[in-house]
């Protein structure tokens, strides 16, 4: 999407952890 270099390097890692937490907790809550 042409966003490489626009954000700090730690942002992808934070998005990775946040996405994992969001999906895991939503699944847990729904269960």
ModelCIF file with pLDDT and N, C-alpha, C, O atoms, coordinates in Angstrom:
data_MODEL
#
_entry.id   MODEL 
#
_entity.id                         1 
_entity.type                       polymer 
_entity.pdbx_number_of_molecules   1 
#
_entity_poly.entity_id                      1 
_entity_poly.type                           'polypeptide(L)' 
_entity_poly.nstd_linkage                   no 
_entity_poly.nstd_monomer                   no 
_entity_poly.pdbx_seq_one_letter_code       
;(UNK)(UNK)(UNK)(UNK)(UNK)(UNK)(UNK)(UNK)(UNK)(UNK)(UNK)(UNK)(UNK)(UNK)(UNK)(UNK)
(UNK)(UNK)(UNK)(UNK)(UNK)(UNK)(UNK)(UNK)(UNK)(UNK)(UNK)(UNK)(UNK)(UNK)(UNK)
;
_entity_poly.pdbx_seq_one_letter_code_can   XXXXXXXXXXXXXXXXXXXXXXXXXXXXXXX 
_entity_poly.pdbx_strand_id                 A 
#
loop_
_entity_poly_seq.entity_id 
_entity_poly_seq.num 
_entity_poly_seq.mon_id 
_entity_poly_seq.hetero 
1 1  UNK n 
1 2  UNK n 
1 3  UNK n 
1 4  UNK n 
1 5  UNK n 
1 6  UNK n 
1 7  UNK n 
1 8  UNK n 
1 9  UNK n 
1 10 UNK n 
1 11 UNK n 
1 12 UNK n 
1 13 UNK n 
1 14 UNK n 
1 15 UNK n 
1 16 UNK n 
1 17 UNK n 
1 18 UNK n 
1 19 UNK n 
1 20 UNK n 
1 21 UNK n 
1 22 UNK n 
1 23 UNK n 
1 24 UNK n 
1 25 UNK n 
1 26 UNK n 
1 27 UNK n 
1 28 UNK n 
1 29 UNK n 
1 30 UNK n 
1 31 UNK n 
#
_struct_asym.id          A 
_struct_asym.entity_id   1 
#
loop_
_ma_qa_metric.id 
_ma_qa_metric.mode 
_ma_qa_metric.name 
_ma_qa_metric.software_group_id 
_ma_qa_metric.type 
1 global pLDDT . pLDDT 
2 local  pLDDT . pLDDT 
#
_ma_qa_metric_global.metric_id      1 
_ma_qa_metric_global.metric_value   83.74 
_ma_qa_metric_global.model_id       1 
_ma_qa_metric_global.ordinal_id     1 
#
loop_
_ma_qa_metric_local.label_asym_id 
_ma_qa_metric_local.label_comp_id 
_ma_qa_metric_local.label_seq_id 
_ma_qa_metric_local.metric_id 
_ma_qa_metric_local.metric_value 
_ma_qa_metric_local.model_id 
_ma_qa_metric_local.ordinal_id 
A UNK 1  2 76.00 1 1  
A UNK 2  2 76.00 1 2  
A UNK 3  2 74.00 1 3  
A UNK 4  2 73.00 1 4  
A UNK 5  2 71.00 1 5  
A UNK 6  2 73.00 1 6  
A UNK 7  2 73.00 1 7  
A UNK 8  2 78.00 1 8  
A UNK 9  2 75.00 1 9  
A UNK 10 2 78.00 1 10 
A UNK 11 2 82.00 1 11 
A UNK 12 2 83.00 1 12 
A UNK 13 2 84.00 1 13 
A UNK 14 2 86.00 1 14 
A UNK 15 2 86.00 1 15 
A UNK 16 2 86.00 1 16 
A UNK 17 2 85.00 1 17 
A UNK 18 2 86.00 1 18 
A UNK 19 2 88.00 1 19 
A UNK 20 2 87.00 1 20 
A UNK 21 2 87.00 1 21 
A UNK 22 2 89.00 1 22 
A UNK 23 2 91.00 1 23 
A UNK 24 2 90.00 1 24 
A UNK 25 2 89.00 1 25 
A UNK 26 2 92.00 1 26 
A UNK 27 2 92.00 1 27 
A UNK 28 2 90.00 1 28 
A UNK 29 2 91.00 1 29 
A UNK 30 2 93.00 1 30 
A UNK 31 2 92.00 1 31 
#
loop_
_atom_site.group_PDB 
_atom_site.id 
_atom_site.type_symbol 
_atom_site.label_atom_id 
_atom_site.label_alt_id 
_atom_site.label_comp_id 
_atom_site.label_asym_id 
_atom_site.label_entity_id 
_atom_site.label_seq_id 
_atom_site.pdbx_PDB_ins_code 
_atom_site.Cartn_x 
_atom_site.Cartn_y 
_atom_site.Cartn_z 
_atom_site.occupancy 
_atom_site.B_iso_or_equiv 
_atom_site.pdbx_formal_charge 
_atom_site.auth_seq_id 
_atom_site.auth_comp_id 
_atom_site.auth_asym_id 
_atom_site.auth_atom_id 
_atom_site.pdbx_PDB_model_num 
ATOM 1   N N  . UNK A 1 1  ? 0.805   -1.218  0.000  1.00 76.00 ? 1  UNK A N  1 
ATOM 2   C CA . UNK A 1 1  ? 0.000   0.000   0.000  1.00 76.00 ? 1  UNK A CA 1 
ATOM 3   C C  . UNK A 1 1  ? 0.841   1.272   0.000  1.00 76.00 ? 1  UNK A C  1 
ATOM 4   O O  . UNK A 1 1  ? 0.310   2.367   0.186  1.00 76.00 ? 1  UNK A O  1 
ATOM 5   N N  . UNK A 1 2  ? 2.143   1.134   -0.206 1.00 76.00 ? 2  UNK A N  1 
ATOM 6   C CA . UNK A 1 2  ? 3.005   2.300   -0.316 1.00 76.00 ? 2  UNK A CA 1 
ATOM 7   C C  . UNK A 1 2  ? 3.231   3.036   0.979  1.00 76.00 ? 2  UNK A C  1 
ATOM 8   O O  . UNK A 1 2  ? 3.468   4.244   0.964  1.00 76.00 ? 2  UNK A O  1 
ATOM 9   N N  . UNK A 1 3  ? 3.164   2.341   2.106  1.00 74.00 ? 3  UNK A N  1 
ATOM 10  C CA . UNK A 1 3  ? 3.334   2.979   3.413  1.00 74.00 ? 3  UNK A CA 1 
ATOM 11  C C  . UNK A 1 3  ? 4.680   2.662   4.041  1.00 74.00 ? 3  UNK A C  1 
ATOM 12  O O  . UNK A 1 3  ? 4.935   3.044   5.183  1.00 74.00 ? 3  UNK A O  1 
ATOM 13  N N  . UNK A 1 4  ? 5.532   1.980   3.321  1.00 73.00 ? 4  UNK A N  1 
ATOM 14  C CA . UNK A 1 4  ? 6.841   1.600   3.857  1.00 73.00 ? 4  UNK A CA 1 
ATOM 15  C C  . UNK A 1 4  ? 7.676   2.856   4.127  1.00 73.00 ? 4  UNK A C  1 
ATOM 16  O O  . UNK A 1 4  ? 7.819   3.710   3.252  1.00 73.00 ? 4  UNK A O  1 
ATOM 17  N N  . UNK A 1 5  ? 8.215   2.962   5.317  1.00 71.00 ? 5  UNK A N  1 
ATOM 18  C CA . UNK A 1 5  ? 9.046   4.092   5.692  1.00 71.00 ? 5  UNK A CA 1 
ATOM 19  C C  . UNK A 1 5  ? 8.279   5.281   6.225  1.00 71.00 ? 5  UNK A C  1 
ATOM 20  O O  . UNK A 1 5  ? 8.883   6.239   6.709  1.00 71.00 ? 5  UNK A O  1 
ATOM 21  N N  . UNK A 1 6  ? 6.933   5.239   6.145  1.00 73.00 ? 6  UNK A N  1 
ATOM 22  C CA . UNK A 1 6  ? 6.139   6.367   6.637  1.00 73.00 ? 6  UNK A CA 1 
ATOM 23  C C  . UNK A 1 6  ? 5.950   6.320   8.146  1.00 73.00 ? 6  UNK A C  1 
ATOM 24  O O  . UNK A 1 6  ? 5.724   7.354   8.774  1.00 73.00 ? 6  UNK A O  1 
ATOM 25  N N  . UNK A 1 7  ? 6.040   5.132   8.732  1.00 73.00 ? 7  UNK A N  1 
ATOM 26  C CA . UNK A 1 7  ? 5.821   4.960   10.157 1.00 73.00 ? 7  UNK A CA 1 
ATOM 27  C C  . UNK A 1 7  ? 7.090   4.453   10.821 1.00 73.00 ? 7  UNK A C  1 
ATOM 28  O O  . UNK A 1 7  ? 7.919   3.827   10.161 1.00 73.00 ? 7  UNK A O  1 
ATOM 29  N N  . UNK A 1 8  ? 7.260   4.712   12.124 1.00 78.00 ? 8  UNK A N  1 
ATOM 30  C CA . UNK A 1 8  ? 8.436   4.204   12.840 1.00 78.00 ? 8  UNK A CA 1 
ATOM 31  C C  . UNK A 1 8  ? 8.518   2.683   12.773 1.00 78.00 ? 8  UNK A C  1 
ATOM 32  O O  . UNK A 1 8  ? 7.509   2.009   12.566 1.00 78.00 ? 8  UNK A O  1 
ATOM 33  N N  . UNK A 1 9  ? 9.714   2.152   12.949 1.00 75.00 ? 9  UNK A N  1 
ATOM 34  C CA . UNK A 1 9  ? 9.930   0.713   12.788 1.00 75.00 ? 9  UNK A CA 1 
ATOM 35  C C  . UNK A 1 9  ? 9.198   -0.127  13.837 1.00 75.00 ? 9  UNK A C  1 
ATOM 36  O O  . UNK A 1 9  ? 8.879   -1.290  13.591 1.00 75.00 ? 9  UNK A O  1 
ATOM 37  N N  . UNK A 1 10 ? 8.932   0.463   15.007 1.00 78.00 ? 10 UNK A N  1 
ATOM 38  C CA . UNK A 1 10 ? 8.276   -0.317  16.058 1.00 78.00 ? 10 UNK A CA 1 
ATOM 39  C C  . UNK A 1 10 ? 6.776   -0.462  15.824 1.00 78.00 ? 10 UNK A C  1 
ATOM 40  O O  . UNK A 1 10 ? 6.133   -1.288  16.472 1.00 78.00 ? 10 UNK A O  1 
ATOM 41  N N  . UNK A 1 11 ? 6.206   0.325   14.910 1.00 82.00 ? 11 UNK A N  1 
ATOM 42  C CA . UNK A 1 11 ? 4.756   0.299   14.695 1.00 82.00 ? 11 UNK A CA 1 
ATOM 43  C C  . UNK A 1 11 ? 4.273   -1.065  14.205 1.00 82.00 ? 11 UNK A C  1 
ATOM 44  O O  . UNK A 1 11 ? 3.284   -1.562  14.744 1.00 82.00 ? 11 UNK A O  1 
ATOM 45  N N  . UNK A 1 12 ? 4.912   -1.707  13.211 1.00 83.00 ? 12 UNK A N  1 
ATOM 46  C CA . UNK A 1 12 ? 4.442   -3.041  12.792 1.00 83.00 ? 12 UNK A CA 1 
ATOM 47  C C  . UNK A 1 12 ? 4.430   -4.064  13.925 1.00 83.00 ? 12 UNK A C  1 
ATOM 48  O O  . UNK A 1 12 ? 3.523   -4.890  14.019 1.00 83.00 ? 12 UNK A O  1 
ATOM 49  N N  . UNK A 1 13 ? 5.456   -3.998  14.789 1.00 84.00 ? 13 UNK A N  1 
ATOM 50  C CA . UNK A 1 13 ? 5.482   -4.950  15.905 1.00 84.00 ? 13 UNK A CA 1 
ATOM 51  C C  . UNK A 1 13 ? 4.339   -4.662  16.880 1.00 84.00 ? 13 UNK A C  1 
ATOM 52  O O  . UNK A 1 13 ? 3.693   -5.590  17.366 1.00 84.00 ? 13 UNK A O  1 
ATOM 53  N N  . UNK A 1 14 ? 4.085   -3.381  17.167 1.00 86.00 ? 14 UNK A N  1 
ATOM 54  C CA . UNK A 1 14 ? 2.986   -3.034  18.068 1.00 86.00 ? 14 UNK A CA 1 
ATOM 55  C C  . UNK A 1 14 ? 1.640   -3.443  17.462 1.00 86.00 ? 14 UNK A C  1 
ATOM 56  O O  . UNK A 1 14 ? 0.751   -3.913  18.171 1.00 86.00 ? 14 UNK A O  1 
ATOM 57  N N  . UNK A 1 15 ? 1.502   -3.263  16.159 1.00 86.00 ? 15 UNK A N  1 
ATOM 58  C CA . UNK A 1 15 ? 0.264   -3.695  15.501 1.00 86.00 ? 15 UNK A CA 1 
ATOM 59  C C  . UNK A 1 15 ? 0.114   -5.208  15.561 1.00 86.00 ? 15 UNK A C  1 
ATOM 60  O O  . UNK A 1 15 ? -0.995  -5.721  15.709 1.00 86.00 ? 15 UNK A O  1 
ATOM 61  N N  . UNK A 1 16 ? 1.231   -5.923  15.445 1.00 86.00 ? 16 UNK A N  1 
ATOM 62  C CA . UNK A 1 16 ? 1.194   -7.384  15.520 1.00 86.00 ? 16 UNK A CA 1 
ATOM 63  C C  . UNK A 1 16 ? 0.697   -7.853  16.885 1.00 86.00 ? 16 UNK A C  1 
ATOM 64  O O  . UNK A 1 16 ? -0.179  -8.713  16.973 1.00 86.00 ? 16 UNK A O  1 
ATOM 65  N N  . UNK A 1 17 ? 1.263   -7.282  17.945 1.00 85.00 ? 17 UNK A N  1 
ATOM 66  C CA . UNK A 1 17 ? 0.869   -7.667  19.302 1.00 85.00 ? 17 UNK A CA 1 
ATOM 67  C C  . UNK A 1 17 ? -0.572  -7.247  19.579 1.00 85.00 ? 17 UNK A C  1 
ATOM 68  O O  . UNK A 1 17 ? -1.337  -8.003  20.179 1.00 85.00 ? 17 UNK A O  1 
ATOM 69  N N  . UNK A 1 18 ? -0.941  -6.044  19.144 1.00 86.00 ? 18 UNK A N  1 
ATOM 70  C CA . UNK A 1 18 ? -2.300  -5.546  19.387 1.00 86.00 ? 18 UNK A CA 1 
ATOM 71  C C  . UNK A 1 18 ? -3.335  -6.397  18.659 1.00 86.00 ? 18 UNK A C  1 
ATOM 72  O O  . UNK A 1 18 ? -4.397  -6.693  19.207 1.00 86.00 ? 18 UNK A O  1 
ATOM 73  N N  . UNK A 1 19 ? -3.025  -6.792  17.417 1.00 88.00 ? 19 UNK A N  1 
ATOM 74  C CA . UNK A 1 19 ? -3.950  -7.632  16.664 1.00 88.00 ? 19 UNK A CA 1 
ATOM 75  C C  . UNK A 1 19 ? -4.114  -8.999  17.314 1.00 88.00 ? 19 UNK A C  1 
ATOM 76  O O  . UNK A 1 19 ? -5.219  -9.538  17.378 1.00 88.00 ? 19 UNK A O  1 
ATOM 77  N N  . UNK A 1 20 ? -3.008  -9.554  17.794 1.00 87.00 ? 20 UNK A N  1 
ATOM 78  C CA . UNK A 1 20 ? -3.073  -10.842 18.490 1.00 87.00 ? 20 UNK A CA 1 
ATOM 79  C C  . UNK A 1 20 ? -3.943  -10.739 19.737 1.00 87.00 ? 20 UNK A C  1 
ATOM 80  O O  . UNK A 1 20 ? -4.778  -11.605 19.995 1.00 87.00 ? 20 UNK A O  1 
ATOM 81  N N  . UNK A 1 21 ? -3.741  -9.670  20.511 1.00 87.00 ? 21 UNK A N  1 
ATOM 82  C CA . UNK A 1 21 ? -4.525  -9.477  21.740 1.00 87.00 ? 21 UNK A CA 1 
ATOM 83  C C  . UNK A 1 21 ? -5.998  -9.277  21.417 1.00 87.00 ? 21 UNK A C  1 
ATOM 84  O O  . UNK A 1 21 ? -6.868  -9.835  22.087 1.00 87.00 ? 21 UNK A O  1 
ATOM 85  N N  . UNK A 1 22 ? -6.279  -8.477  20.386 1.00 89.00 ? 22 UNK A N  1 
ATOM 86  C CA . UNK A 1 22 ? -7.669  -8.199  20.022 1.00 89.00 ? 22 UNK A CA 1 
ATOM 87  C C  . UNK A 1 22 ? -8.387  -9.472  19.598 1.00 89.00 ? 22 UNK A C  1 
ATOM 88  O O  . UNK A 1 22 ? -9.483  -9.751  20.084 1.00 89.00 ? 22 UNK A O  1 
ATOM 89  N N  . UNK A 1 23 ? -7.786  -10.250 18.696 1.00 91.00 ? 23 UNK A N  1 
ATOM 90  C CA . UNK A 1 23 ? -8.436  -11.468 18.217 1.00 91.00 ? 23 UNK A CA 1 
ATOM 91  C C  . UNK A 1 23 ? -8.597  -12.491 19.330 1.00 91.00 ? 23 UNK A C  1 
ATOM 92  O O  . UNK A 1 23 ? -9.648  -13.122 19.450 1.00 91.00 ? 23 UNK A O  1 
ATOM 93  N N  . UNK A 1 24 ? -7.561  -12.657 20.145 1.00 90.00 ? 24 UNK A N  1 
ATOM 94  C CA . UNK A 1 24 ? -7.622  -13.647 21.221 1.00 90.00 ? 24 UNK A CA 1 
ATOM 95  C C  . UNK A 1 24 ? -8.704  -13.279 22.232 1.00 90.00 ? 24 UNK A C  1 
ATOM 96  O O  . UNK A 1 24 ? -9.486  -14.135 22.647 1.00 90.00 ? 24 UNK A O  1 
ATOM 97  N N  . UNK A 1 25 ? -8.750  -12.010 22.628 1.00 89.00 ? 25 UNK A N  1 
ATOM 98  C CA . UNK A 1 25 ? -9.726  -11.590 23.635 1.00 89.00 ? 25 UNK A CA 1 
ATOM 99  C C  . UNK A 1 25 ? -11.146 -11.606 23.091 1.00 89.00 ? 25 UNK A C  1 
ATOM 100 O O  . UNK A 1 25 ? -12.072 -11.997 23.801 1.00 89.00 ? 25 UNK A O  1 
ATOM 101 N N  . UNK A 1 26 ? -11.334 -11.190 21.843 1.00 92.00 ? 26 UNK A N  1 
ATOM 102 C CA . UNK A 1 26 ? -12.673 -11.250 21.252 1.00 92.00 ? 26 UNK A CA 1 
ATOM 103 C C  . UNK A 1 26 ? -13.171 -12.691 21.178 1.00 92.00 ? 26 UNK A C  1 
ATOM 104 O O  . UNK A 1 26 ? -14.327 -12.969 21.496 1.00 92.00 ? 26 UNK A O  1 
ATOM 105 N N  . UNK A 1 27 ? -12.294 -13.606 20.758 1.00 92.00 ? 27 UNK A N  1 
ATOM 106 C CA . UNK A 1 27 ? -12.677 -15.010 20.713 1.00 92.00 ? 27 UNK A CA 1 
ATOM 107 C C  . UNK A 1 27 ? -12.988 -15.565 22.089 1.00 92.00 ? 27 UNK A C  1 
ATOM 108 O O  . UNK A 1 27 ? -13.937 -16.329 22.266 1.00 92.00 ? 27 UNK A O  1 
ATOM 109 N N  . UNK A 1 28 ? -12.173 -15.171 23.066 1.00 90.00 ? 28 UNK A N  1 
ATOM 110 C CA . UNK A 1 28 ? -12.382 -15.633 24.439 1.00 90.00 ? 28 UNK A CA 1 
ATOM 111 C C  . UNK A 1 28 ? -13.691 -15.093 24.995 1.00 90.00 ? 28 UNK A C  1 
ATOM 112 O O  . UNK A 1 28 ? -14.455 -15.827 25.622 1.00 90.00 ? 28 UNK A O  1 
ATOM 113 N N  . UNK A 1 29 ? -13.951 -13.797 24.763 1.00 91.00 ? 29 UNK A N  1 
ATOM 114 C CA . UNK A 1 29 ? -15.193 -13.187 25.235 1.00 91.00 ? 29 UNK A CA 1 
ATOM 115 C C  . UNK A 1 29 ? -16.414 -13.851 24.602 1.00 91.00 ? 29 UNK A C  1 
ATOM 116 O O  . UNK A 1 29 ? -17.397 -14.146 25.281 1.00 91.00 ? 29 UNK A O  1 
ATOM 117 N N  . UNK A 1 30 ? -16.334 -14.083 23.280 1.00 93.00 ? 30 UNK A N  1 
ATOM 118 C CA . UNK A 1 30 ? -17.472 -14.692 22.599 1.00 93.00 ? 30 UNK A CA 1 
ATOM 119 C C  . UNK A 1 30 ? -17.697 -16.120 23.087 1.00 93.00 ? 30 UNK A C  1 
ATOM 120 O O  . UNK A 1 30 ? -18.839 -16.553 23.243 1.00 93.00 ? 30 UNK A O  1 
ATOM 121 N N  . UNK A 1 31 ? -16.621 -16.843 23.326 1.00 92.00 ? 31 UNK A N  1 
ATOM 122 C CA . UNK A 1 31 ? -16.748 -18.229 23.789 1.00 92.00 ? 31 UNK A CA 1 
ATOM 123 C C  . UNK A 1 31 ? -17.474 -18.289 25.131 1.00 92.00 ? 31 UNK A C  1 
ATOM 124 O O  . UNK A 1 31 ? -17.674 -19.374 25.677 1.00 92.00 ? 31 UNK A O  1 
#
